Amino acid sequence: MAALEPVESALALTESSRPEFEISFIEEMKHAKAVLEKKGHAVLLPESAEKGQTKEWWEVLKADAAGFSRVKGERIKGHFNKIKESDAVLVLNHDKNGKKAHIGPNTSWRWR
């Protein structure tokens, strides 16, 4: 069997709990991005992951309800646009809140 030639593709990387905000696994996403880029893939992360904006950052932003709503909407729309531009989506479904290989409702509804 012949070896497959590497092909550059664009991947949207997301996690299973939230589409763009309150990201729990930022370091894991950055690590996966680095591994995939070394293999020649272009990887698109949610903006919050790229900026390292943890759940705590979002909690502070919630004090300004209008600002929170605006930023949340922009981020979700932006991430969905990254998904549309991609050839594939890689969902990182780490164990979360005692659940093995957790896939939350914000991920599962996207693929119906």
C-alpha atoms as a PDB file:
ATOM      1  CA  MET A   1       0.000   0.000   0.000  1.00  0.00           C
ATOM      2  CA  ALA A   2       1.415   3.382  -1.007  1.00  0.00           C
ATOM      3  CA  ALA A   3       1.929   6.030   1.664  1.00  0.00           C
ATOM      4  CA  LEU A   4      -0.428   8.982   1.509  1.00  0.00           C
ATOM      5  CA  GLU A   5       1.075  12.325   0.635  1.00  0.00           C
ATOM      6  CA  PRO A   6       0.487  15.020   3.279  1.00  0.00           C
ATOM      7  CA  VAL A   7      -2.139  17.512   2.240  1.00  0.00           C
ATOM      8  CA  GLU A   8      -2.497  20.949   3.730  1.00  0.00           C
ATOM      9  CA  SER A   9      -5.991  21.555   4.990  1.00  0.00           C
ATOM     10  CA  ALA A  10      -7.698  24.145   7.117  1.00  0.00           C
ATOM     11  CA  LEU A  11      -9.068  22.806  10.388  1.00  0.00           C
ATOM     12  CA  ALA A  12     -11.350  24.592  12.798  1.00  0.00           C
ATOM     13  CA  LEU A  13     -10.461  23.474  16.312  1.00  0.00           C
ATOM     14  CA  THR A  14     -13.134  23.643  18.967  1.00  0.00           C
ATOM     15  CA  GLU A  15     -13.925  22.047  22.277  1.00  0.00           C
ATOM     16  CA  SER A  16     -17.020  20.189  23.222  1.00  0.00           C
ATOM     17  CA  SER A  17     -18.462  22.418  25.930  1.00  0.00           C
ATOM     18  CA  ARG A  18     -18.876  25.871  24.384  1.00  0.00           C
ATOM     19  CA  PRO A  19     -18.556  27.179  20.852  1.00  0.00           C
ATOM     20  CA  GLU A  20     -16.535  30.266  21.688  1.00  0.00           C
ATOM     21  CA  PHE A  21     -16.939  31.557  25.207  1.00  0.00           C
ATOM     22  CA  GLU A  22     -15.927  30.191  28.602  1.00  0.00           C
ATOM     23  CA  ILE A  23     -13.408  27.841  27.021  1.00  0.00           C
ATOM     24  CA  SER A  24     -12.135  25.292  29.542  1.00  0.00           C
ATOM     25  CA  PHE A  25      -9.248  23.686  27.662  1.00  0.00           C
ATOM     26  CA  ILE A  26      -7.258  26.571  26.191  1.00  0.00           C
ATOM     27  CA  GLU A  27      -3.839  25.012  26.775  1.00  0.00           C
ATOM     28  CA  GLU A  28      -4.955  21.712  25.252  1.00  0.00           C
ATOM     29  CA  MET A  29      -6.303  23.556  22.204  1.00  0.00           C
ATOM     30  CA  LYS A  30      -3.025  25.452  21.763  1.00  0.00           C
ATOM     31  CA  HIS A  31      -1.076  22.198  22.040  1.00  0.00           C
ATOM     32  CA  ALA A  32      -3.291  20.461  19.458  1.00  0.00           C
ATOM     33  CA  LYS A  33      -2.885  23.471  17.156  1.00  0.00           C
ATOM     34  CA  ALA A  34       0.916  23.285  17.409  1.00  0.00           C
ATOM     35  CA  VAL A  35       0.934  19.546  16.645  1.00  0.00           C
ATOM     36  CA  LEU A  36      -1.385  19.957  13.647  1.00  0.00           C
ATOM     37  CA  GLU A  37       0.576  22.914  12.272  1.00  0.00           C
ATOM     38  CA  LYS A  38       3.792  20.865  12.408  1.00  0.00           C
ATOM     39  CA  LYS A  39       1.992  18.361  10.175  1.00  0.00           C
ATOM     40  CA  GLY A  40       1.228  21.115   7.653  1.00  0.00           C
ATOM     41  CA  HIS A  41      -2.336  22.022   8.576  1.00  0.00           C
ATOM     42  CA  ALA A  42      -3.686  25.540   8.934  1.00  0.00           C
ATOM     43  CA  VAL A  43      -5.569  25.618  12.252  1.00  0.00           C
ATOM     44  CA  LEU A  44      -8.226  28.128  13.263  1.00  0.00           C
ATOM     45  CA  LEU A  45      -8.912  28.505  16.983  1.00  0.00           C
ATOM     46  CA  PRO A  46     -11.761  30.309  18.700  1.00  0.00           C
ATOM     47  CA  GLU A  47     -10.651  33.883  19.376  1.00  0.00           C
ATOM     48  CA  SER A  48     -10.933  33.379  23.134  1.00  0.00           C
ATOM     49  CA  ALA A  49      -8.471  30.488  22.956  1.00  0.00           C
ATOM     50  CA  GLU A  50      -6.046  32.502  20.848  1.00  0.00           C
ATOM     51  CA  LYS A  51      -6.195  35.370  23.343  1.00  0.00           C
ATOM     52  CA  GLY A  52      -6.131  33.120  26.420  1.00  0.00           C
ATOM     53  CA  GLN A  53      -9.456  34.492  27.651  1.00  0.00           C
ATOM     54  CA  THR A  54     -10.493  32.009  30.313  1.00  0.00           C
ATOM     55  CA  LYS A  55     -13.791  31.535  32.100  1.00  0.00           C
ATOM     56  CA  GLU A  56     -12.609  34.124  34.637  1.00  0.00           C
ATOM     57  CA  TRP A  57     -12.193  36.737  31.860  1.00  0.00           C
ATOM     58  CA  TRP A  58     -15.779  36.103  30.769  1.00  0.00           C
ATOM     59  CA  GLU A  59     -17.028  36.338  34.377  1.00  0.00           C
ATOM     60  CA  VAL A  60     -15.552  39.846  34.660  1.00  0.00           C
ATOM     61  CA  LEU A  61     -17.116  40.820  31.323  1.00  0.00           C
ATOM     62  CA  LYS A  62     -20.546  39.652  32.540  1.00  0.00           C
ATOM     63  CA  ALA A  63     -20.644  42.697  34.843  1.00  0.00           C
ATOM     64  CA  ASP A  64     -21.429  44.695  31.688  1.00  0.00           C
ATOM     65  CA  ALA A  65     -24.478  42.805  30.372  1.00  0.00           C
ATOM     66  CA  ALA A  66     -24.635  44.705  27.073  1.00  0.00           C
ATOM     67  CA  GLY A  67     -20.907  44.319  26.463  1.00  0.00           C
ATOM     68  CA  PHE A  68     -21.021  40.636  27.355  1.00  0.00           C
ATOM     69  CA  SER A  69     -23.906  39.999  24.988  1.00  0.00           C
ATOM     70  CA  ARG A  70     -22.220  41.890  22.149  1.00  0.00           C
ATOM     71  CA  VAL A  71     -18.838  40.187  22.533  1.00  0.00           C
ATOM     72  CA  LYS A  72     -20.420  36.745  22.988  1.00  0.00           C
ATOM     73  CA  GLY A  73     -22.463  37.190  19.798  1.00  0.00           C
ATOM     74  CA  GLU A  74     -19.446  38.432  17.826  1.00  0.00           C
ATOM     75  CA  ARG A  75     -17.296  35.553  19.030  1.00  0.00           C
ATOM     76  CA  ILE A  76     -19.875  32.863  18.245  1.00  0.00           C
ATOM     77  CA  LYS A  77     -20.498  34.295  14.782  1.00  0.00           C
ATOM     78  CA  GLY A  78     -16.762  34.607  14.169  1.00  0.00           C
ATOM     79  CA  HIS A  79     -16.112  31.013  15.176  1.00  0.00           C
ATOM     80  CA  PHE A  80     -18.941  29.690  13.016  1.00  0.00           C
ATOM     81  CA  ASN A  81     -17.417  31.615  10.101  1.00  0.00           C
ATOM     82  CA  LYS A  82     -14.079  29.894  10.802  1.00  0.00           C
ATOM     83  CA  ILE A  83     -15.887  26.554  10.740  1.00  0.00           C
ATOM     84  CA  LYS A  84     -17.480  27.414   7.382  1.00  0.00           C
ATOM     85  CA  GLU A  85     -14.053  28.321   5.946  1.00  0.00           C
ATOM     86  CA  SER A  86     -12.529  25.047   7.114  1.00  0.00           C
ATOM     87  CA  ASP A  87     -12.144  21.712   5.398  1.00  0.00           C
ATOM     88  CA  ALA A  88     -12.758  19.853   8.662  1.00  0.00           C
ATOM     89  CA  VAL A  89     -13.610  20.417  12.311  1.00  0.00           C
ATOM     90  CA  LEU A  90     -11.743  18.763  15.161  1.00  0.00           C
ATOM     91  CA  VAL A  91     -13.676  18.651  18.432  1.00  0.00           C
ATOM     92  CA  LEU A  92     -11.604  18.128  21.571  1.00  0.00           C
ATOM     93  CA  ASN A  93     -13.866  16.268  23.957  1.00  0.00           C
ATOM     94  CA  HIS A  94     -11.922  15.996  27.193  1.00  0.00           C
ATOM     95  CA  ASP A  95     -13.406  14.663  30.394  1.00  0.00           C
ATOM     96  CA  LYS A  96     -15.362  17.434  32.095  1.00  0.00           C
ATOM     97  CA  ASN A  97     -17.327  17.675  35.334  1.00  0.00           C
ATOM     98  CA  GLY A  98     -16.877  13.961  35.951  1.00  0.00           C
ATOM     99  CA  LYS A  99     -18.139  12.976  32.498  1.00  0.00           C
ATOM    100  CA  LYS A 100     -15.854  10.927  30.241  1.00  0.00           C
ATOM    101  CA  ALA A 101     -15.355  12.285  26.693  1.00  0.00           C
ATOM    102  CA  HIS A 102     -17.941  14.986  27.362  1.00  0.00           C
ATOM    103  CA  ILE A 103     -19.823  16.363  24.362  1.00  0.00           C
ATOM    104  CA  GLY A 104     -22.092  19.191  25.415  1.00  0.00           C
ATOM    105  CA  PRO A 105     -25.248  20.472  23.749  1.00  0.00           C
ATOM    106  CA  ASN A 106     -23.443  23.414  22.128  1.00  0.00           C
ATOM    107  CA  THR A 107     -21.368  20.953  20.109  1.00  0.00           C
ATOM    108  CA  SER A 108     -23.842  18.187  19.400  1.00  0.00           C
ATOM    109  CA  TRP A 109     -26.542  20.458  17.933  1.00  0.00           C
ATOM    110  CA  ARG A 110     -24.132  21.784  15.287  1.00  0.00           C
ATOM    111  CA  TRP A 111     -23.838  18.458  13.516  1.00  0.00           C
ATOM    112  CA  ARG A 112     -27.523  17.607  13.166  1.00  0.00           C
END
